[in-house]
Amino acid sequence: MPDALYRPVKIGSLELEGNIFLAPMAGYTDCVFRSICADYGADFSFTELASAEALMRGGSQLLL
């Protein structure tokens, strides 16, 4: 990545070294995948998406 595009990011009180983020992708971003991405330079990653409706209803199908 060109150096001009890679820069530090501040989100509220959180300060990150760079701006390479891993989006929350249901069915793909398990713990192992996020660890591999971090090893290869991801500065910030999310857990998998969870279904808000399932959380509200107490269902067992939380992941989308």
PDB file of N, CA and C in Angstrom:
ATOM      1  N   MET A   1       0.851  -1.177   0.000  1.00  0.00           N
ATOM      2  CA  MET A   1       0.000   0.000   0.000  1.00  0.00           C
ATOM      3  C   MET A   1       0.891   1.232   0.000  1.00  0.00           C
ATOM      4  N   PRO A   2       0.580   2.221  -0.829  1.00  0.00           N
ATOM      5  CA  PRO A   2       1.386   3.447  -0.839  1.00  0.00           C
ATOM      6  C   PRO A   2       1.352   4.130   0.526  1.00  0.00           C
ATOM      7  N   ASP A   3       2.489   4.650   0.933  1.00  0.00           N
ATOM      8  CA  ASP A   3       2.585   5.291   2.249  1.00  0.00           C
ATOM      9  C   ASP A   3       1.619   6.452   2.414  1.00  0.00           C
ATOM     10  N   ALA A   4       1.261   7.137   1.333  1.00  0.00           N
ATOM     11  CA  ALA A   4       0.358   8.280   1.418  1.00  0.00           C
ATOM     12  C   ALA A   4      -1.042   7.871   1.876  1.00  0.00           C
ATOM     13  N   LEU A   5      -1.431   6.627   1.645  1.00  0.00           N
ATOM     14  CA  LEU A   5      -2.767   6.160   2.024  1.00  0.00           C
ATOM     15  C   LEU A   5      -2.814   5.543   3.416  1.00  0.00           C
ATOM     16  N   TYR A   6      -1.682   5.076   3.909  1.00  0.00           N
ATOM     17  CA  TYR A   6      -1.627   4.408   5.211  1.00  0.00           C
ATOM     18  C   TYR A   6      -1.263   5.441   6.276  1.00  0.00           C
ATOM     19  N   ARG A   7      -2.174   5.631   7.233  1.00  0.00           N
ATOM     20  CA  ARG A   7      -1.919   6.633   8.261  1.00  0.00           C
ATOM     21  C   ARG A   7      -2.628   6.244   9.559  1.00  0.00           C
ATOM     22  N   PRO A   8      -2.217   6.834  10.660  1.00  0.00           N
ATOM     23  CA  PRO A   8      -2.861   6.560  11.947  1.00  0.00           C
ATOM     24  C   PRO A   8      -4.312   7.031  11.951  1.00  0.00           C
ATOM     25  N   VAL A   9      -5.116   6.397  12.807  1.00  0.00           N
ATOM     26  CA  VAL A   9      -6.540   6.725  12.922  1.00  0.00           C
ATOM     27  C   VAL A   9      -6.879   6.871  14.400  1.00  0.00           C
ATOM     28  N   LYS A  10      -7.709   7.853  14.705  1.00  0.00           N
ATOM     29  CA  LYS A  10      -8.212   8.011  16.072  1.00  0.00           C
ATOM     30  C   LYS A  10      -9.733   7.973  16.023  1.00  0.00           C
ATOM     31  N   ILE A  11     -10.323   7.041  16.781  1.00  0.00           N
ATOM     32  CA  ILE A  11     -11.775   6.895  16.882  1.00  0.00           C
ATOM     33  C   ILE A  11     -12.125   7.083  18.356  1.00  0.00           C
ATOM     34  N   GLY A  12     -12.608   8.248  18.700  1.00  0.00           N
ATOM     35  CA  GLY A  12     -12.851   8.557  20.107  1.00  0.00           C
ATOM     36  C   GLY A  12     -11.534   8.527  20.860  1.00  0.00           C
ATOM     37  N   SER A  13     -11.460   7.724  21.906  1.00  0.00           N
ATOM     38  CA  SER A  13     -10.216   7.606  22.665  1.00  0.00           C
ATOM     39  C   SER A  13      -9.310   6.490  22.144  1.00  0.00           C
ATOM     40  N   LEU A  14      -9.783   5.728  21.161  1.00  0.00           N
ATOM     41  CA  LEU A  14      -9.004   4.630  20.581  1.00  0.00           C
ATOM     42  C   LEU A  14      -8.063   5.168  19.510  1.00  0.00           C
ATOM     43  N   GLU A  15      -6.775   4.903  19.653  1.00  0.00           N
ATOM     44  CA  GLU A  15      -5.785   5.320  18.666  1.00  0.00           C
ATOM     45  C   GLU A  15      -5.171   4.080  18.019  1.00  0.00           C
ATOM     46  N   LEU A  16      -5.256   4.003  16.688  1.00  0.00           N
ATOM     47  CA  LEU A  16      -4.725   2.868  15.936  1.00  0.00           C
ATOM     48  C   LEU A  16      -3.522   3.312  15.116  1.00  0.00           C
ATOM     49  N   GLU A  17      -2.567   2.400  14.930  1.00  0.00           N
ATOM     50  CA  GLU A  17      -1.370   2.715  14.162  1.00  0.00           C
ATOM     51  C   GLU A  17      -1.673   2.951  12.692  1.00  0.00           C
ATOM     52  N   GLY A  18      -2.673   2.261  12.177  1.00  0.00           N
ATOM     53  CA  GLY A  18      -2.968   2.365  10.753  1.00  0.00           C
ATOM     54  C   GLY A  18      -4.447   2.266  10.461  1.00  0.00           C
ATOM     55  N   ASN A  19      -4.790   2.373   9.181  1.00  0.00           N
ATOM     56  CA  ASN A  19      -6.187   2.412   8.764  1.00  0.00           C
ATOM     57  C   ASN A  19      -6.611   1.200   7.933  1.00  0.00           C
ATOM     58  N   ILE A  20      -6.043   0.039   8.219  1.00  0.00           N
ATOM     59  CA  ILE A  20      -6.470  -1.185   7.544  1.00  0.00           C
ATOM     60  C   ILE A  20      -7.416  -1.930   8.483  1.00  0.00           C
ATOM     61  N   PHE A  21      -8.709  -1.920   8.130  1.00  0.00           N
ATOM     62  CA  PHE A  21      -9.754  -2.513   8.964  1.00  0.00           C
ATOM     63  C   PHE A  21     -10.311  -3.757   8.293  1.00  0.00           C
ATOM     64  N   LEU A  22     -10.717  -4.715   9.092  1.00  0.00           N
ATOM     65  CA  LEU A  22     -11.381  -5.913   8.604  1.00  0.00           C
ATOM     66  C   LEU A  22     -12.851  -5.795   8.963  1.00  0.00           C
ATOM     67  N   ALA A  23     -13.714  -5.755   7.967  1.00  0.00           N
ATOM     68  CA  ALA A  23     -15.146  -5.578   8.183  1.00  0.00           C
ATOM     69  C   ALA A  23     -15.766  -6.819   8.824  1.00  0.00           C
ATOM     70  N   PRO A  24     -16.896  -6.647   9.528  1.00  0.00           N
ATOM     71  CA  PRO A  24     -17.590  -7.802  10.097  1.00  0.00           C
ATOM     72  C   PRO A  24     -18.322  -8.569   9.004  1.00  0.00           C
ATOM     73  N   MET A  25     -17.828  -9.743   8.664  1.00  0.00           N
ATOM     74  CA  MET A  25     -18.411 -10.549   7.588  1.00  0.00           C
ATOM     75  C   MET A  25     -18.942 -11.847   8.172  1.00  0.00           C
ATOM     76  N   ALA A  26     -20.225 -12.009   8.175  1.00  0.00           N
ATOM     77  CA  ALA A  26     -20.847 -13.201   8.749  1.00  0.00           C
ATOM     78  C   ALA A  26     -20.403 -14.455   8.006  1.00  0.00           C
ATOM     79  N   GLY A  27     -19.987 -15.448   8.756  1.00  0.00           N
ATOM     80  CA  GLY A  27     -19.594 -16.722   8.167  1.00  0.00           C
ATOM     81  C   GLY A  27     -18.150 -16.794   7.700  1.00  0.00           C
ATOM     82  N   TYR A  28     -17.415 -15.688   7.783  1.00  0.00           N
ATOM     83  CA  TYR A  28     -16.035 -15.679   7.296  1.00  0.00           C
ATOM     84  C   TYR A  28     -15.025 -15.263   8.353  1.00  0.00           C
ATOM     85  N   THR A  29     -15.400 -14.359   9.234  1.00  0.00           N
ATOM     86  CA  THR A  29     -14.413 -13.803  10.161  1.00  0.00           C
ATOM     87  C   THR A  29     -14.405 -14.511  11.509  1.00  0.00           C
ATOM     88  N   ASP A  30     -14.045 -15.781  11.498  1.00  0.00           N
ATOM     89  CA  ASP A  30     -13.895 -16.472  12.767  1.00  0.00           C
ATOM     90  C   ASP A  30     -12.567 -16.050  13.408  1.00  0.00           C
ATOM     91  N   CYS A  31     -12.315 -16.520  14.602  1.00  0.00           N
ATOM     92  CA  CYS A  31     -11.129 -16.110  15.359  1.00  0.00           C
ATOM     93  C   CYS A  31      -9.831 -16.392  14.601  1.00  0.00           C
ATOM     94  N   VAL A  32      -9.737 -17.536  13.962  1.00  0.00           N
ATOM     95  CA  VAL A  32      -8.520 -17.900  13.226  1.00  0.00           C
ATOM     96  C   VAL A  32      -8.302 -16.963  12.045  1.00  0.00           C
ATOM     97  N   PHE A  33      -9.357 -16.661  11.295  1.00  0.00           N
ATOM     98  CA  PHE A  33      -9.239 -15.767  10.158  1.00  0.00           C
ATOM     99  C   PHE A  33      -8.793 -14.381  10.602  1.00  0.00           C
ATOM    100  N   ARG A  34      -9.382 -13.861  11.689  1.00  0.00           N
ATOM    101  CA  ARG A  34      -8.993 -12.545  12.196  1.00  0.00           C
ATOM    102  C   ARG A  34      -7.547 -12.549  12.655  1.00  0.00           C
ATOM    103  N   SER A  35      -7.092 -13.629  13.261  1.00  0.00           N
ATOM    104  CA  SER A  35      -5.696 -13.728  13.688  1.00  0.00           C
ATOM    105  C   SER A  35      -4.743 -13.700  12.498  1.00  0.00           C
ATOM    106  N   ILE A  36      -5.088 -14.413  11.441  1.00  0.00           N
ATOM    107  CA  ILE A  36      -4.266 -14.414  10.230  1.00  0.00           C
ATOM    108  C   ILE A  36      -4.211 -13.000   9.633  1.00  0.00           C
ATOM    109  N   CYS A  37      -5.356 -12.338   9.563  1.00  0.00           N
ATOM    110  CA  CYS A  37      -5.388 -10.970   9.024  1.00  0.00           C
ATOM    111  C   CYS A  37      -4.539 -10.029   9.870  1.00  0.00           C
ATOM    112  N   ALA A  38      -4.577 -10.175  11.179  1.00  0.00           N
ATOM    113  CA  ALA A  38      -3.743  -9.342  12.058  1.00  0.00           C
ATOM    114  C   ALA A  38      -2.265  -9.614  11.799  1.00  0.00           C
ATOM    115  N   ASP A  39      -1.918 -10.886  11.595  1.00  0.00           N
ATOM    116  CA  ASP A  39      -0.524 -11.230  11.294  1.00  0.00           C
ATOM    117  C   ASP A  39      -0.044 -10.591   9.989  1.00  0.00           C
ATOM    118  N   TYR A  40      -0.972 -10.396   9.050  1.00  0.00           N
ATOM    119  CA  TYR A  40      -0.618  -9.825   7.748  1.00  0.00           C
ATOM    120  C   TYR A  40      -0.901  -8.326   7.655  1.00  0.00           C
ATOM    121  N   GLY A  41      -1.175  -7.677   8.791  1.00  0.00           N
ATOM    122  CA  GLY A  41      -1.226  -6.222   8.791  1.00  0.00           C
ATOM    123  C   GLY A  41      -2.545  -5.548   9.089  1.00  0.00           C
ATOM    124  N   ALA A  42      -3.614  -6.283   9.358  1.00  0.00           N
ATOM    125  CA  ALA A  42      -4.875  -5.619   9.708  1.00  0.00           C
ATOM    126  C   ALA A  42      -4.704  -4.913  11.048  1.00  0.00           C
ATOM    127  N   ASP A  43      -5.080  -3.646  11.095  1.00  0.00           N
ATOM    128  CA  ASP A  43      -4.929  -2.865  12.316  1.00  0.00           C
ATOM    129  C   ASP A  43      -6.122  -3.009  13.255  1.00  0.00           C
ATOM    130  N   PHE A  44      -7.284  -3.351  12.709  1.00  0.00           N
ATOM    131  CA  PHE A  44      -8.502  -3.412  13.508  1.00  0.00           C
ATOM    132  C   PHE A  44      -9.460  -4.398  12.865  1.00  0.00           C
ATOM    133  N   SER A  45     -10.072  -5.267  13.664  1.00  0.00           N
ATOM    134  CA  SER A  45     -11.040  -6.211  13.105  1.00  0.00           C
ATOM    135  C   SER A  45     -12.218  -6.361  14.060  1.00  0.00           C
ATOM    136  N   PHE A  46     -13.324  -6.855  13.528  1.00  0.00           N
ATOM    137  CA  PHE A  46     -14.557  -7.045  14.279  1.00  0.00           C
ATOM    138  C   PHE A  46     -14.842  -8.529  14.405  1.00  0.00           C
ATOM    139  N   THR A  47     -15.739  -8.860  15.325  1.00  0.00           N
ATOM    140  CA  THR A  47     -16.235 -10.228  15.406  1.00  0.00           C
ATOM    141  C   THR A  47     -17.275 -10.421  14.306  1.00  0.00           C
ATOM    142  N   GLU A  48     -17.802 -11.617  14.186  1.00  0.00           N
ATOM    143  CA  GLU A  48     -18.846 -11.865  13.196  1.00  0.00           C
ATOM    144  C   GLU A  48     -20.094 -11.064  13.533  1.00  0.00           C
ATOM    145  N   LEU A  49     -20.903 -10.810  12.516  1.00  0.00           N
ATOM    146  CA  LEU A  49     -22.176 -10.131  12.740  1.00  0.00           C
ATOM    147  C   LEU A  49     -23.106 -11.028  13.544  1.00  0.00           C
ATOM    148  N   ALA A  50     -23.886 -10.419  14.391  1.00  0.00           N
ATOM    149  CA  ALA A  50     -24.888 -11.168  15.151  1.00  0.00           C
ATOM    150  C   ALA A  50     -26.266 -10.622  14.798  1.00  0.00           C
ATOM    151  N   SER A  51     -27.241 -11.475  14.798  1.00  0.00           N
ATOM    152  CA  SER A  51     -28.600 -11.071  14.486  1.00  0.00           C
ATOM    153  C   SER A  51     -29.213 -10.352  15.684  1.00  0.00           C
ATOM    154  N   ALA A  52     -29.558  -9.068  15.513  1.00  0.00           N
ATOM    155  CA  ALA A  52     -30.174  -8.303  16.596  1.00  0.00           C
ATOM    156  C   ALA A  52     -31.528  -8.908  16.984  1.00  0.00           C
ATOM    157  N   GLU A  53     -32.263  -9.400  15.993  1.00  0.00           N
ATOM    158  CA  GLU A  53     -33.564 -10.007  16.281  1.00  0.00           C
ATOM    159  C   GLU A  53     -33.398 -11.256  17.143  1.00  0.00           C
ATOM    160  N   ALA A  54     -32.402 -12.082  16.826  1.00  0.00           N
ATOM    161  CA  ALA A  54     -32.162 -13.286  17.625  1.00  0.00           C
ATOM    162  C   ALA A  54     -31.731 -12.922  19.044  1.00  0.00           C
ATOM    163  N   LEU A  55     -30.949 -11.863  19.184  1.00  0.00           N
ATOM    164  CA  LEU A  55     -30.553 -11.425  20.525  1.00  0.00           C
ATOM    165  C   LEU A  55     -31.774 -10.983  21.336  1.00  0.00           C
ATOM    166  N   MET A  56     -32.671 -10.239  20.697  1.00  0.00           N
ATOM    167  CA  MET A  56     -33.857  -9.749  21.393  1.00  0.00           C
ATOM    168  C   MET A  56     -34.810 -10.882  21.749  1.00  0.00           C
ATOM    169  N   ARG A  57     -34.918 -11.878  20.903  1.00  0.00           N
ATOM    170  CA  ARG A  57     -35.853 -12.984  21.132  1.00  0.00           C
ATOM    171  C   ARG A  57     -35.221 -14.143  21.889  1.00  0.00           C
ATOM    172  N   GLY A  58     -33.912 -14.075  22.136  1.00  0.00           N
ATOM    173  CA  GLY A  58     -33.233 -15.138  22.866  1.00  0.00           C
ATOM    174  C   GLY A  58     -33.027 -16.388  22.031  1.00  0.00           C
ATOM    175  N   GLY A  59     -32.975 -16.247  20.722  1.00  0.00           N
ATOM    176  CA  GLY A  59     -32.815 -17.395  19.834  1.00  0.00           C
ATOM    177  C   GLY A  59     -31.393 -17.946  19.832  1.00  0.00           C
ATOM    178  N   SER A  60     -31.258 -19.162  19.308  1.00  0.00           N
ATOM    179  CA  SER A  60     -29.949 -19.790  19.260  1.00  0.00           C
ATOM    180  C   SER A  60     -29.191 -19.485  17.979  1.00  0.00           C
ATOM    181  N   GLN A  61     -29.851 -18.934  16.966  1.00  0.00           N
ATOM    182  CA  GLN A  61     -29.220 -18.594  15.682  1.00  0.00           C
ATOM    183  C   GLN A  61     -28.767 -17.146  15.709  1.00  0.00           C
ATOM    184  N   LEU A  62     -27.715 -16.847  16.483  1.00  0.00           N
ATOM    185  CA  LEU A  62     -27.261 -15.467  16.630  1.00  0.00           C
ATOM    186  C   LEU A  62     -26.463 -14.968  15.431  1.00  0.00           C
ATOM    187  N   LEU A  63     -25.663 -15.862  14.831  1.00  0.00           N
ATOM    188  CA  LEU A  63     -24.831 -15.422  13.710  1.00  0.00           C
ATOM    189  C   LEU A  63     -25.641 -15.372  12.446  1.00  0.00           C
ATOM    190  N   LEU A  64     -25.402 -14.339  11.645  1.00  0.00           N
ATOM    191  CA  LEU A  64     -26.140 -14.182  10.390  1.00  0.00           C
ATOM    192  C   LEU A  64     -25.650 -15.151   9.342  1.00  0.00           C
TER     193      LEU A  64
END
